């Protein structure tokens, strides 16, 4: 086993490490977006359900769904503030 074999092995491990990092980071971002989307949808439903009794509601359309999905709870608060200002 010469020095060339050892260097090739180390280089291969390094490439595997880089590929692993490139695949794991996007998966974490996708999982976070999915969780935010689910929480945002549930919160939209709860705000409309409870808000119906006190006169607060958020119209569910693609834009509000995207905002709630990406930003989660802060997105719902933002939508409520924008709706009350405008």
Protein backbone atom coordinates (compact mmCIF):
# COMPACT_ATOMS: atom_id res chain seq x y z
CA UNK A 1 0.00 0.00 0.00
CA UNK A 2 1.82 3.03 -1.27
CA UNK A 3 1.41 6.70 -0.53
CA UNK A 4 -0.71 7.10 -3.68
CA UNK A 5 -3.28 4.61 -2.39
CA UNK A 6 -3.48 6.35 0.99
CA UNK A 7 -3.91 9.76 -0.65
CA UNK A 8 -6.61 8.38 -2.96
CA UNK A 9 -8.42 6.89 0.03
CA UNK A 10 -8.24 10.17 1.98
CA UNK A 11 -9.39 12.13 -1.07
CA UNK A 12 -12.33 9.73 -1.52
CA UNK A 13 -13.35 10.16 2.12
CA UNK A 14 -13.12 13.93 1.73
CA UNK A 15 -15.38 13.81 -1.35
CA UNK A 16 -17.88 11.63 0.50
CA UNK A 17 -17.92 14.13 3.35
CA UNK A 18 -18.54 17.08 1.00
CA UNK A 19 -21.34 15.22 -0.83
CA UNK A 20 -22.90 14.28 2.52
CA UNK A 21 -22.92 17.90 3.66
CA UNK A 22 -24.44 19.07 0.37
CA UNK A 23 -27.26 16.54 0.72
CA UNK A 24 -27.99 17.02 4.43
CA UNK A 25 -28.30 20.82 4.48
CA UNK A 26 -31.10 21.01 1.87
CA UNK A 27 -32.98 18.19 3.60
CA UNK A 28 -32.92 20.15 6.88
CA UNK A 29 -34.27 23.24 5.11
CA UNK A 30 -37.02 21.22 3.42
CA UNK A 31 -38.04 19.60 6.72
CA UNK A 32 -38.15 23.01 8.39
CA UNK A 33 -40.35 24.41 5.60
CA UNK A 34 -42.70 21.41 5.85
CA UNK A 35 -43.04 21.83 9.63
CA UNK A 36 -43.61 25.59 9.26
CA UNK A 37 -46.20 24.92 6.56
CA UNK A 38 -48.11 22.46 8.72
CA UNK A 39 -48.00 24.75 11.76
CA UNK A 40 -49.00 27.75 9.64
CA UNK A 41 -51.98 25.88 8.16
CA UNK A 42 -53.14 24.70 11.57
CA UNK A 43 -52.77 28.19 12.98
CA UNK A 44 -54.70 29.69 10.05
CA UNK A 45 -57.51 27.25 10.77
CA UNK A 46 -57.47 28.03 14.51
CA UNK A 47 -57.41 31.80 13.95
CA UNK A 48 -60.38 31.54 11.59
CA UNK A 49 -62.24 29.19 13.93
CA UNK A 50 -61.72 31.20 17.12
CA UNK A 51 -61.64 34.55 15.34
CA UNK A 52 -65.12 33.93 13.94
CA UNK A 53 -66.52 34.50 17.42
CA UNK A 54 -64.77 37.86 17.87
CA UNK A 55 -64.79 39.09 14.28
CA UNK A 56 -61.19 38.34 13.29
CA UNK A 57 -60.44 36.17 10.30
CA UNK A 58 -57.83 35.66 7.63
CA UNK A 59 -58.93 34.83 4.11
CA UNK A 60 -57.18 31.67 3.00
CA UNK A 61 -55.73 32.11 -0.49
CA UNK A 62 -52.41 31.09 -2.06
CA UNK A 63 -50.61 34.23 -0.83
CA UNK A 64 -51.68 33.87 2.79
CA UNK A 65 -50.94 30.14 2.67
CA UNK A 66 -47.41 30.82 1.39
CA UNK A 67 -46.78 33.50 4.03
CA UNK A 68 -48.11 31.25 6.80
CA UNK A 69 -46.14 28.29 5.44
CA UNK A 70 -42.81 30.04 5.17
CA UNK A 71 -42.92 32.22 8.28
CA UNK A 72 -45.18 30.13 10.55
CA UNK A 73 -46.48 31.89 13.65
CA UNK A 74 -44.79 35.25 12.88
CA UNK A 75 -46.38 35.09 9.43
CA UNK A 76 -49.87 34.70 10.92
CA UNK A 77 -49.23 37.64 13.27
CA UNK A 78 -48.00 39.67 10.29
CA UNK A 79 -51.14 38.82 8.32
CA UNK A 80 -53.35 39.85 11.23
CA UNK A 81 -51.50 43.17 11.61
CA UNK A 82 -51.63 43.90 7.88
CA UNK A 83 -55.32 43.05 7.73
CA UNK A 84 -56.13 45.37 10.63
CA UNK A 85 -54.01 48.24 9.24
CA UNK A 86 -55.39 47.99 5.69
